[in-house]
C-alpha atoms as a PDB file:
ATOM      1  CA  UNK A   1     141.178 103.458  96.955  1.00  0.00           C
ATOM      2  CA  UNK A   2     139.107 106.472  96.051  1.00  0.00           C
ATOM      3  CA  UNK A   3     138.137 104.911  92.714  1.00  0.00           C
ATOM      4  CA  UNK A   4     137.045 101.736  94.232  1.00  0.00           C
ATOM      5  CA  UNK A   5     134.911 103.770  96.833  1.00  0.00           C
ATOM      6  CA  UNK A   6     133.355 105.697  94.078  1.00  0.00           C
ATOM      7  CA  UNK A   7     132.485 102.519  92.115  1.00  0.00           C
ATOM      8  CA  UNK A   8     131.103 101.010  95.298  1.00  0.00           C
ATOM      9  CA  UNK A   9     128.690 103.989  95.972  1.00  0.00           C
ATOM     10  CA  UNK A  10     127.455 103.797  92.306  1.00  0.00           C
ATOM     11  CA  UNK A  11     126.835 100.145  92.463  1.00  0.00           C
ATOM     12  CA  UNK A  12     124.814 100.822  95.664  1.00  0.00           C
ATOM     13  CA  UNK A  13     122.817 103.564  93.930  1.00  0.00           C
ATOM     14  CA  UNK A  14     121.734 101.264  91.322  1.00  0.00           C
ATOM     15  CA  UNK A  15     121.046  98.418  93.594  1.00  0.00           C
ATOM     16  CA  UNK A  16     118.882 100.540  95.932  1.00  0.00           C
ATOM     17  CA  UNK A  17     116.308 102.618  94.208  1.00  0.00           C
ATOM     18  CA  UNK A  18     115.219 105.940  95.478  1.00  0.00           C
ATOM     19  CA  UNK A  19     112.085 105.629  97.580  1.00  0.00           C
ATOM     20  CA  UNK A  20     108.970 107.384  96.067  1.00  0.00           C
ATOM     21  CA  UNK A  21     107.173 109.717  98.258  1.00  0.00           C
ATOM     22  CA  UNK A  22     103.932 108.535  99.704  1.00  0.00           C
ATOM     23  CA  UNK A  23     100.590 109.584  98.269  1.00  0.00           C
ATOM     24  CA  UNK A  24      99.770 112.980  99.875  1.00  0.00           C
ATOM     25  CA  UNK A  25      96.547 112.838 101.899  1.00  0.00           C
ATOM     26  CA  UNK A  26      94.637 115.373  99.689  1.00  0.00           C
ATOM     27  CA  UNK A  27      95.481 113.205  96.563  1.00  0.00           C
ATOM     28  CA  UNK A  28      94.592 110.122  98.342  1.00  0.00           C
ATOM     29  CA  UNK A  29      90.998 111.288  99.337  1.00  0.00           C
ATOM     30  CA  UNK A  30      90.510 112.673  95.850  1.00  0.00           C
ATOM     31  CA  UNK A  31      91.383 109.248  94.305  1.00  0.00           C
ATOM     32  CA  UNK A  32      89.074 107.413  96.627  1.00  0.00           C
ATOM     33  CA  UNK A  33      86.219 109.790  95.937  1.00  0.00           C
ATOM     34  CA  UNK A  34      86.791 109.430  92.246  1.00  0.00           C
ATOM     35  CA  UNK A  35      86.824 105.795  92.212  1.00  0.00           C
ATOM     36  CA  UNK A  36      83.371 105.767  93.914  1.00  0.00           C
ATOM     37  CA  UNK A  37      82.050 107.671  90.965  1.00  0.00           C
ATOM     38  CA  UNK A  38      83.573 106.003  87.805  1.00  0.00           C
ATOM     39  CA  UNK A  39      86.566 104.469  86.433  1.00  0.00           C
ATOM     40  CA  UNK A  40      86.933 107.157  83.826  1.00  0.00           C
ATOM     41  CA  UNK A  41      86.914 109.876  86.585  1.00  0.00           C
ATOM     42  CA  UNK A  42      89.428 107.866  88.476  1.00  0.00           C
ATOM     43  CA  UNK A  43      91.818 107.820  85.534  1.00  0.00           C
ATOM     44  CA  UNK A  44      91.356 111.462  84.865  1.00  0.00           C
ATOM     45  CA  UNK A  45      91.999 112.394  88.762  1.00  0.00           C
ATOM     46  CA  UNK A  46      95.103 110.032  88.711  1.00  0.00           C
ATOM     47  CA  UNK A  47      96.552 112.051  85.768  1.00  0.00           C
ATOM     48  CA  UNK A  48      96.069 115.297  87.456  1.00  0.00           C
ATOM     49  CA  UNK A  49      97.367 113.989  90.832  1.00  0.00           C
ATOM     50  CA  UNK A  50     100.616 112.728  89.115  1.00  0.00           C
ATOM     51  CA  UNK A  51     101.275 116.230  87.594  1.00  0.00           C
ATOM     52  CA  UNK A  52     100.707 117.779  90.917  1.00  0.00           C
ATOM     53  CA  UNK A  53     102.705 115.333  92.818  1.00  0.00           C
ATOM     54  CA  UNK A  54     105.438 113.881  90.403  1.00  0.00           C
ATOM     55  CA  UNK A  55     107.572 112.465  93.154  1.00  0.00           C
ATOM     56  CA  UNK A  56     104.543 110.175  94.184  1.00  0.00           C
ATOM     57  CA  UNK A  57     103.684 109.128  90.661  1.00  0.00           C
ATOM     58  CA  UNK A  58     104.734 105.499  91.360  1.00  0.00           C
ATOM     59  CA  UNK A  59     102.757 105.208  94.495  1.00  0.00           C
ATOM     60  CA  UNK A  60      99.633 106.943  92.805  1.00  0.00           C
ATOM     61  CA  UNK A  61      99.701 104.299  90.147  1.00  0.00           C
ATOM     62  CA  UNK A  62      99.944 101.580  92.864  1.00  0.00           C
ATOM     63  CA  UNK A  63      96.753 103.166  94.699  1.00  0.00           C
ATOM     64  CA  UNK A  64      94.789 103.374  91.364  1.00  0.00           C
ATOM     65  CA  UNK A  65      95.421  99.752  90.526  1.00  0.00           C
ATOM     66  CA  UNK A  66      94.467  98.732  94.021  1.00  0.00           C
ATOM     67  CA  UNK A  67      91.261 100.860  93.934  1.00  0.00           C
ATOM     68  CA  UNK A  68      90.386  99.309  90.525  1.00  0.00           C
ATOM     69  CA  UNK A  69      90.912  95.799  91.848  1.00  0.00           C
ATOM     70  CA  UNK A  70      88.640  96.565  94.915  1.00  0.00           C
ATOM     71  CA  UNK A  71      85.935  98.011  92.549  1.00  0.00           C
ATOM     72  CA  UNK A  72      85.980  95.167  90.293  1.00  0.00           C
ATOM     73  CA  UNK A  73      85.661  92.752  93.423  1.00  0.00           C
ATOM     74  CA  UNK A  74      82.643  94.809  94.713  1.00  0.00           C
ATOM     75  CA  UNK A  75      81.051  94.728  91.122  1.00  0.00           C
ATOM     76  CA  UNK A  76      81.484  90.935  90.812  1.00  0.00           C
ATOM     77  CA  UNK A  77      79.920  90.308  94.206  1.00  0.00           C
ATOM     78  CA  UNK A  78      77.098  92.688  93.480  1.00  0.00           C
ATOM     79  CA  UNK A  79      76.323  91.052  90.144  1.00  0.00           C
ATOM     80  CA  UNK A  80      76.046  87.545  91.849  1.00  0.00           C
ATOM     81  CA  UNK A  81      72.963  88.674  93.870  1.00  0.00           C
ATOM     82  CA  UNK A  82      71.285  90.795  91.021  1.00  0.00           C
ATOM     83  CA  UNK A  83      67.701  89.620  90.008  1.00  0.00           C
ATOM     84  CA  UNK A  84      66.479  90.101  86.616  1.00  0.00           C
ATOM     85  CA  UNK A  85      64.686  93.363  87.331  1.00  0.00           C
ATOM     86  CA  UNK A  86      67.610  95.046  88.934  1.00  0.00           C
ATOM     87  CA  UNK A  87      70.829  96.417  87.552  1.00  0.00           C
ATOM     88  CA  UNK A  88      69.433  98.172  84.653  1.00  0.00           C
ATOM     89  CA  UNK A  89      70.749 101.543  83.534  1.00  0.00           C
ATOM     90  CA  UNK A  90      69.862 103.703  80.580  1.00  0.00           C
ATOM     91  CA  UNK A  91      69.415 107.044  78.927  1.00  0.00           C
ATOM     92  CA  UNK A  92      66.629 109.086  77.482  1.00  0.00           C
ATOM     93  CA  UNK A  93      66.943 111.651  74.726  1.00  0.00           C
ATOM     94  CA  UNK A  94      64.803 114.429  73.552  1.00  0.00           C
ATOM     95  CA  UNK A  95      65.257 117.044  70.878  1.00  0.00           C
ATOM     96  CA  UNK A  96      63.115 119.163  68.687  1.00  0.00           C
ATOM     97  CA  UNK A  97      62.882 122.272  66.412  1.00  0.00           C
ATOM     98  CA  UNK A  98      60.269 124.617  65.125  1.00  0.00           C
ATOM     99  CA  UNK A  99      60.659 127.373  62.526  1.00  0.00           C
ATOM    100  CA  UNK A 100      58.258 129.733  60.939  1.00  0.00           C
ATOM    101  CA  UNK A 101      58.124 132.455  58.257  1.00  0.00           C
ATOM    102  CA  UNK A 102      58.817 131.536  54.700  1.00  0.00           C
ATOM    103  CA  UNK A 103      59.327 127.977  55.792  1.00  0.00           C
ATOM    104  CA  UNK A 104      57.293 126.260  58.359  1.00  0.00           C
ATOM    105  CA  UNK A 105      59.127 123.416  59.719  1.00  0.00           C
ATOM    106  CA  UNK A 106      58.602 121.152  62.835  1.00  0.00           C
ATOM    107  CA  UNK A 107      61.014 118.390  64.039  1.00  0.00           C
ATOM    108  CA  UNK A 108      61.230 115.805  66.801  1.00  0.00           C
ATOM    109  CA  UNK A 109      63.774 113.521  68.009  1.00  0.00           C
ATOM    110  CA  UNK A 110      63.311 110.882  70.645  1.00  0.00           C
ATOM    111  CA  UNK A 111      65.533 108.041  71.865  1.00  0.00           C
ATOM    112  CA  UNK A 112      65.633 105.570  74.719  1.00  0.00           C
ATOM    113  CA  UNK A 113      68.107 102.946  75.615  1.00  0.00           C
ATOM    114  CA  UNK A 114      68.570 100.316  78.521  1.00  0.00           C
ATOM    115  CA  UNK A 115      71.545  98.037  79.330  1.00  0.00           C
ATOM    116  CA  UNK A 116      72.142  95.380  82.151  1.00  0.00           C
ATOM    117  CA  UNK A 117      75.469  93.878  82.808  1.00  0.00           C
ATOM    118  CA  UNK A 118      75.513  90.420  84.550  1.00  0.00           C
ATOM    119  CA  UNK A 119      78.255  87.997  85.323  1.00  0.00           C
ATOM    120  CA  UNK A 120      78.104  86.455  81.909  1.00  0.00           C
ATOM    121  CA  UNK A 121      75.161  88.021  80.172  1.00  0.00           C
ATOM    122  CA  UNK A 122      74.776  91.613  78.767  1.00  0.00           C
ATOM    123  CA  UNK A 123      71.310  92.734  77.661  1.00  0.00           C
ATOM    124  CA  UNK A 124      70.924  95.908  75.572  1.00  0.00           C
ATOM    125  CA  UNK A 125      67.834  97.669  74.157  1.00  0.00           C
ATOM    126  CA  UNK A 126      67.593 100.695  71.992  1.00  0.00           C
ATOM    127  CA  UNK A 127      64.784 102.746  70.366  1.00  0.00           C
ATOM    128  CA  UNK A 128      64.569 105.888  68.459  1.00  0.00           C
ATOM    129  CA  UNK A 129      62.206 108.036  66.540  1.00  0.00           C
ATOM    130  CA  UNK A 130      62.764 111.005  64.164  1.00  0.00           C
ATOM    131  CA  UNK A 131      59.937 112.923  62.655  1.00  0.00           C
ATOM    132  CA  UNK A 132      59.771 116.210  60.629  1.00  0.00           C
ATOM    133  CA  UNK A 133      57.171 118.302  58.766  1.00  0.00           C
ATOM    134  CA  UNK A 134      57.964 121.029  56.110  1.00  0.00           C
ATOM    135  CA  UNK A 135      55.174 123.368  55.170  1.00  0.00           C
ATOM    136  CA  UNK A 136      52.461 121.025  56.407  1.00  0.00           C
ATOM    137  CA  UNK A 137      54.072 118.040  54.488  1.00  0.00           C
ATOM    138  CA  UNK A 138      55.662 115.005  56.274  1.00  0.00           C
ATOM    139  CA  UNK A 139      59.276 114.750  55.122  1.00  0.00           C
ATOM    140  CA  UNK A 140      60.687 112.320  57.546  1.00  0.00           C
ATOM    141  CA  UNK A 141      59.391 109.632  59.669  1.00  0.00           C
ATOM    142  CA  UNK A 142      61.768 106.920  60.948  1.00  0.00           C
ATOM    143  CA  UNK A 143      61.288 104.286  63.878  1.00  0.00           C
ATOM    144  CA  UNK A 144      64.014 101.899  65.104  1.00  0.00           C
ATOM    145  CA  UNK A 145      64.235  99.435  67.910  1.00  0.00           C
ATOM    146  CA  UNK A 146      66.737  96.678  68.712  1.00  0.00           C
ATOM    147  CA  UNK A 147      67.485  94.188  71.377  1.00  0.00           C
ATOM    148  CA  UNK A 148      70.879  92.357  71.688  1.00  0.00           C
ATOM    149  CA  UNK A 149      71.973  89.768  74.219  1.00  0.00           C
ATOM    150  CA  UNK A 150      75.749  88.826  74.564  1.00  0.00           C
ATOM    151  CA  UNK A 151      77.005  85.795  76.456  1.00  0.00           C
ATOM    152  CA  UNK A 152      80.581  86.130  77.426  1.00  0.00           C
ATOM    153  CA  UNK A 153      83.040  83.309  77.095  1.00  0.00           C
ATOM    154  CA  UNK A 154      85.931  85.483  78.653  1.00  0.00           C
ATOM    155  CA  UNK A 155      86.694  89.188  78.801  1.00  0.00           C
ATOM    156  CA  UNK A 156      86.925  89.595  75.068  1.00  0.00           C
ATOM    157  CA  UNK A 157      84.996  86.744  73.295  1.00  0.00           C
ATOM    158  CA  UNK A 158      81.233  86.557  73.385  1.00  0.00           C
ATOM    159  CA  UNK A 159      78.149  85.067  71.533  1.00  0.00           C
ATOM    160  CA  UNK A 160      75.504  87.389  70.431  1.00  0.00           C
ATOM    161  CA  UNK A 161      71.771  87.281  69.388  1.00  0.00           C
ATOM    162  CA  UNK A 162      70.150  90.341  67.890  1.00  0.00           C
ATOM    163  CA  UNK A 163      66.729  91.239  66.945  1.00  0.00           C
ATOM    164  CA  UNK A 164      65.761  94.761  65.302  1.00  0.00           C
ATOM    165  CA  UNK A 165      62.984  96.465  63.661  1.00  0.00           C
ATOM    166  CA  UNK A 166      62.894  99.515  61.461  1.00  0.00           C
ATOM    167  CA  UNK A 167      60.228 101.699  59.752  1.00  0.00           C
ATOM    168  CA  UNK A 168      61.255 104.300  57.169  1.00  0.00           C
ATOM    169  CA  UNK A 169      58.960 104.909  54.368  1.00  0.00           C
ATOM    170  CA  UNK A 170      61.095 107.660  52.977  1.00  0.00           C
ATOM    171  CA  UNK A 171      63.755 105.072  52.229  1.00  0.00           C
ATOM    172  CA  UNK A 172      61.363 102.881  50.349  1.00  0.00           C
ATOM    173  CA  UNK A 173      60.104 100.283  53.077  1.00  0.00           C
ATOM    174  CA  UNK A 174      57.131 100.171  55.402  1.00  0.00           C
ATOM    175  CA  UNK A 175      59.124  97.901  57.928  1.00  0.00           C
ATOM    176  CA  UNK A 176      62.360  95.756  57.988  1.00  0.00           C
ATOM    177  CA  UNK A 177      62.903  93.188  60.604  1.00  0.00           C
ATOM    178  CA  UNK A 178      66.255  91.472  61.295  1.00  0.00           C
ATOM    179  CA  UNK A 179      67.417  88.583  63.391  1.00  0.00           C
ATOM    180  CA  UNK A 180      71.106  87.644  63.730  1.00  0.00           C
ATOM    181  CA  UNK A 181      73.324  85.216  65.520  1.00  0.00           C
ATOM    182  CA  UNK A 182      77.111  85.596  65.675  1.00  0.00           C
ATOM    183  CA  UNK A 183      80.301  86.136  67.740  1.00  0.00           C
ATOM    184  CA  UNK A 184      82.013  89.299  68.991  1.00  0.00           C
ATOM    185  CA  UNK A 185      85.328  90.045  70.083  1.00  0.00           C
ATOM    186  CA  UNK A 186      86.582  92.957  72.145  1.00  0.00           C
ATOM    187  CA  UNK A 187      89.729  94.122  70.352  1.00  0.00           C
ATOM    188  CA  UNK A 188      90.286  97.011  72.823  1.00  0.00           C
ATOM    189  CA  UNK A 189      89.143  96.626  76.431  1.00  0.00           C
ATOM    190  CA  UNK A 190      90.344  99.442  78.653  1.00  0.00           C
ATOM    191  CA  UNK A 191      88.531 101.671  81.212  1.00  0.00           C
ATOM    192  CA  UNK A 192      88.743 104.633  78.691  1.00  0.00           C
ATOM    193  CA  UNK A 193      88.386 102.929  75.370  1.00  0.00           C
ATOM    194  CA  UNK A 194      86.542  99.921  73.967  1.00  0.00           C
ATOM    195  CA  UNK A 195      86.533  98.434  70.382  1.00  0.00           C
ATOM    196  CA  UNK A 196      84.214  95.489  69.547  1.00  0.00           C
ATOM    197  CA  UNK A 197      84.042  93.484  66.284  1.00  0.00           C
ATOM    198  CA  UNK A 198      81.093  91.401  65.512  1.00  0.00           C
ATOM    199  CA  UNK A 199      79.908  89.082  62.652  1.00  0.00           C
ATOM    200  CA  UNK A 200      77.488  86.338  61.642  1.00  0.00           C
ATOM    201  CA  UNK A 201      74.615  85.296  59.601  1.00  0.00           C
ATOM    202  CA  UNK A 202      71.171  87.109  59.490  1.00  0.00           C
ATOM    203  CA  UNK A 203      67.696  86.793  58.239  1.00  0.00           C
ATOM    204  CA  UNK A 204      65.771  89.942  57.156  1.00  0.00           C
ATOM    205  CA  UNK A 205      62.109  90.604  56.279  1.00  0.00           C
ATOM    206  CA  UNK A 206      61.472  93.736  54.404  1.00  0.00           C
ATOM    207  CA  UNK A 207      57.967  95.034  53.340  1.00  0.00           C
ATOM    208  CA  UNK A 208      58.944  97.356  50.438  1.00  0.00           C
ATOM    209  CA  UNK A 209      56.487 100.386  49.679  1.00  0.00           C
ATOM    210  CA  UNK A 210      56.429  99.720  45.968  1.00  0.00           C
ATOM    211  CA  UNK A 211      56.876  95.891  45.583  1.00  0.00           C
ATOM    212  CA  UNK A 212      55.771  94.268  48.928  1.00  0.00           C
ATOM    213  CA  UNK A 213      57.374  91.880  51.274  1.00  0.00           C
ATOM    214  CA  UNK A 214      60.650  89.984  50.674  1.00  0.00           C
ATOM    215  CA  UNK A 215      62.538  87.721  52.892  1.00  0.00           C
ATOM    216  CA  UNK A 216      66.295  87.222  52.488  1.00  0.00           C
ATOM    217  CA  UNK A 217      69.408  85.604  53.983  1.00  0.00           C
ATOM    218  CA  UNK A 218      72.365  88.067  54.843  1.00  0.00           C
ATOM    219  CA  UNK A 219      75.741  88.338  56.422  1.00  0.00           C
ATOM    220  CA  UNK A 220      76.189  90.938  59.122  1.00  0.00           C
ATOM    221  CA  UNK A 221      79.370  92.840  60.284  1.00  0.00           C
ATOM    222  CA  UNK A 222      79.473  95.436  62.910  1.00  0.00           C
ATOM    223  CA  UNK A 223      82.059  97.676  64.628  1.00  0.00           C
ATOM    224  CA  UNK A 224      81.303  99.437  68.075  1.00  0.00           C
ATOM    225  CA  UNK A 225      83.701 101.952  69.323  1.00  0.00           C
ATOM    226  CA  UNK A 226      83.630 104.079  72.469  1.00  0.00           C
ATOM    227  CA  UNK A 227      86.099 106.514  73.990  1.00  0.00           C
ATOM    228  CA  UNK A 228      85.919 108.506  77.054  1.00  0.00           C
ATOM    229  CA  UNK A 229      88.024 111.514  76.107  1.00  0.00           C
ATOM    230  CA  UNK A 230      87.648 113.187  79.534  1.00  0.00           C
ATOM    231  CA  UNK A 231      85.456 112.234  82.520  1.00  0.00           C
ATOM    232  CA  UNK A 232      82.487 114.081  81.171  1.00  0.00           C
ATOM    233  CA  UNK A 233      82.962 113.812  77.381  1.00  0.00           C
ATOM    234  CA  UNK A 234      82.533 110.526  75.343  1.00  0.00           C
ATOM    235  CA  UNK A 235      82.816 109.809  71.677  1.00  0.00           C
ATOM    236  CA  UNK A 236      80.943 106.728  70.147  1.00  0.00           C
ATOM    237  CA  UNK A 237      80.747 105.139  66.766  1.00  0.00           C
ATOM    238  CA  UNK A 238      78.424 102.205  65.856  1.00  0.00           C
ATOM    239  CA  UNK A 239      78.632 100.729  62.389  1.00  0.00           C
ATOM    240  CA  UNK A 240      77.013  97.842  60.737  1.00  0.00           C
ATOM    241  CA  UNK A 241      76.635  96.245  57.156  1.00  0.00           C
ATOM    242  CA  UNK A 242      74.244  93.801  55.908  1.00  0.00           C
ATOM    243  CA  UNK A 243      75.154  91.954  52.771  1.00  0.00           C
ATOM    244  CA  UNK A 244      72.067  90.482  50.989  1.00  0.00           C
ATOM    245  CA  UNK A 245      71.714  88.650  47.615  1.00  0.00           C
ATOM    246  CA  UNK A 246      70.447  91.852  45.745  1.00  0.00           C
ATOM    247  CA  UNK A 247      71.150  94.611  48.271  1.00  0.00           C
ATOM    248  CA  UNK A 248      73.446  95.833  50.989  1.00  0.00           C
ATOM    249  CA  UNK A 249      72.745  98.171  53.749  1.00  0.00           C
ATOM    250  CA  UNK A 250      75.407 100.274  55.679  1.00  0.00           C
ATOM    251  CA  UNK A 251      74.672 102.331  58.844  1.00  0.00           C
ATOM    252  CA  UNK A 252      77.026 104.457  61.029  1.00  0.00           C
ATOM    253  CA  UNK A 253      76.003 106.357  64.088  1.00  0.00           C
ATOM    254  CA  UNK A 254      78.555 108.878  65.411  1.00  0.00           C
ATOM    255  CA  UNK A 255      77.929 110.675  68.700  1.00  0.00           C
ATOM    256  CA  UNK A 256      79.688 113.152  70.862  1.00  0.00           C
ATOM    257  CA  UNK A 257      78.190 113.415  74.464  1.00  0.00           C
ATOM    258  CA  UNK A 258      79.165 115.972  76.898  1.00  0.00           C
ATOM    259  CA  UNK A 259      77.969 116.043  80.676  1.00  0.00           C
ATOM    260  CA  UNK A 260      76.425 119.342  81.683  1.00  0.00           C
ATOM    261  CA  UNK A 261      75.249 118.956  85.304  1.00  0.00           C
ATOM    262  CA  UNK A 262      74.297 115.722  87.366  1.00  0.00           C
ATOM    263  CA  UNK A 263      72.530 113.329  85.094  1.00  0.00           C
ATOM    264  CA  UNK A 264      72.113 115.708  82.384  1.00  0.00           C
ATOM    265  CA  UNK A 265      74.090 115.756  79.260  1.00  0.00           C
ATOM    266  CA  UNK A 266      73.978 117.072  75.568  1.00  0.00           C
ATOM    267  CA  UNK A 267      74.595 115.040  72.554  1.00  0.00           C
ATOM    268  CA  UNK A 268      75.452 115.760  68.921  1.00  0.00           C
ATOM    269  CA  UNK A 269      74.916 112.835  66.654  1.00  0.00           C
ATOM    270  CA  UNK A 270      75.133 112.047  62.860  1.00  0.00           C
ATOM    271  CA  UNK A 271      73.297 108.916  61.472  1.00  0.00           C
ATOM    272  CA  UNK A 272      74.337 107.917  57.993  1.00  0.00           C
ATOM    273  CA  UNK A 273      72.570 105.191  55.964  1.00  0.00           C
ATOM    274  CA  UNK A 274      73.502 103.657  52.530  1.00  0.00           C
ATOM    275  CA  UNK A 275      71.471 101.318  50.501  1.00  0.00           C
ATOM    276  CA  UNK A 276      73.321  99.561  47.658  1.00  0.00           C
ATOM    277  CA  UNK A 277      70.113  99.134  45.677  1.00  0.00           C
ATOM    278  CA  UNK A 278      67.246 101.418  46.668  1.00  0.00           C
ATOM    279  CA  UNK A 279      63.801 100.159  46.273  1.00  0.00           C
ATOM    280  CA  UNK A 280      63.081 102.454  43.372  1.00  0.00           C
ATOM    281  CA  UNK A 281      65.179 104.555  40.937  1.00  0.00           C
ATOM    282  CA  UNK A 282      63.610 107.936  42.618  1.00  0.00           C
ATOM    283  CA  UNK A 283      65.191 107.137  45.979  1.00  0.00           C
ATOM    284  CA  UNK A 284      68.519 108.271  47.125  1.00  0.00           C
ATOM    285  CA  UNK A 285      71.217 105.694  48.072  1.00  0.00           C
ATOM    286  CA  UNK A 286      72.546 107.953  50.777  1.00  0.00           C
ATOM    287  CA  UNK A 287      70.494 109.463  53.637  1.00  0.00           C
ATOM    288  CA  UNK A 288      71.516 111.083  56.822  1.00  0.00           C
ATOM    289  CA  UNK A 289      70.187 112.558  59.934  1.00  0.00           C
ATOM    290  CA  UNK A 290      72.080 115.140  62.274  1.00  0.00           C
ATOM    291  CA  UNK A 291      70.586 115.946  65.494  1.00  0.00           C
ATOM    292  CA  UNK A 292      71.312 117.655  68.912  1.00  0.00           C
ATOM    293  CA  UNK A 293      69.423 116.334  71.960  1.00  0.00           C
ATOM    294  CA  UNK A 294      69.378 116.637  75.833  1.00  0.00           C
ATOM    295  CA  UNK A 295      70.138 113.233  77.437  1.00  0.00           C
ATOM    296  CA  UNK A 296      69.119 112.267  80.897  1.00  0.00           C
ATOM    297  CA  UNK A 297      70.859 109.129  82.476  1.00  0.00           C
ATOM    298  CA  UNK A 298      69.141 107.007  84.917  1.00  0.00           C
END
């Protein structure tokens, strides 16, 4: 009889799971406030809340899921009523250096980017300029600008159109224009991490310093990665490769951004460029630029 009673109690314990504690009021208010700021902050706050109140972990996960659903619904409703001039966000960057003494050097780094997300369209514009003089002689002058439009078929698959322009005499060309069409796919698409793969044909118009203009057909492949390590720390990696008939160009830009206060952040970045066939034998195949800039988000 006792054995049967014990077996019955065990079955009841399995059939009726223990009730999780409700979300404490202070954790509830913190999570709702974090959801109003950003999804990354909501995730970080949820991790802290679950460690502080482990018995409420299940209910905290349920609340976070509901808050994310509500935020997505509000976002979709807002996007429906956006006009072309609204919904843009961006960043401005500024960095510089001055040295004197045995070596006199002046450096300047500027960057600006805008982006706009719609129901199906995403527009992105980037521009940057790097300049340096050493002992009165210009040693670096690079300008770059690009525009990309993506049309989403789903949360992961999209059609893209890209146009870019670059000027870099120290890499052997006065200007280089690029137009590309292709497809992209979001291999990873989470609130904290994204990974996009892109590919397609491209046209390039390059005005070389030594030999003049040349037009080519190329293939383009690109990888874009972003990881919000913490609510105020983000790592990004943007790589592209153009394969032409007699040349190939690889570019990789790695950036680590850390929030300081409000809309102000600091960013350390490293830009690497590799040319399979430099314009002349005197030019290096590999060039790089490391910089630290202040970033203002708007």
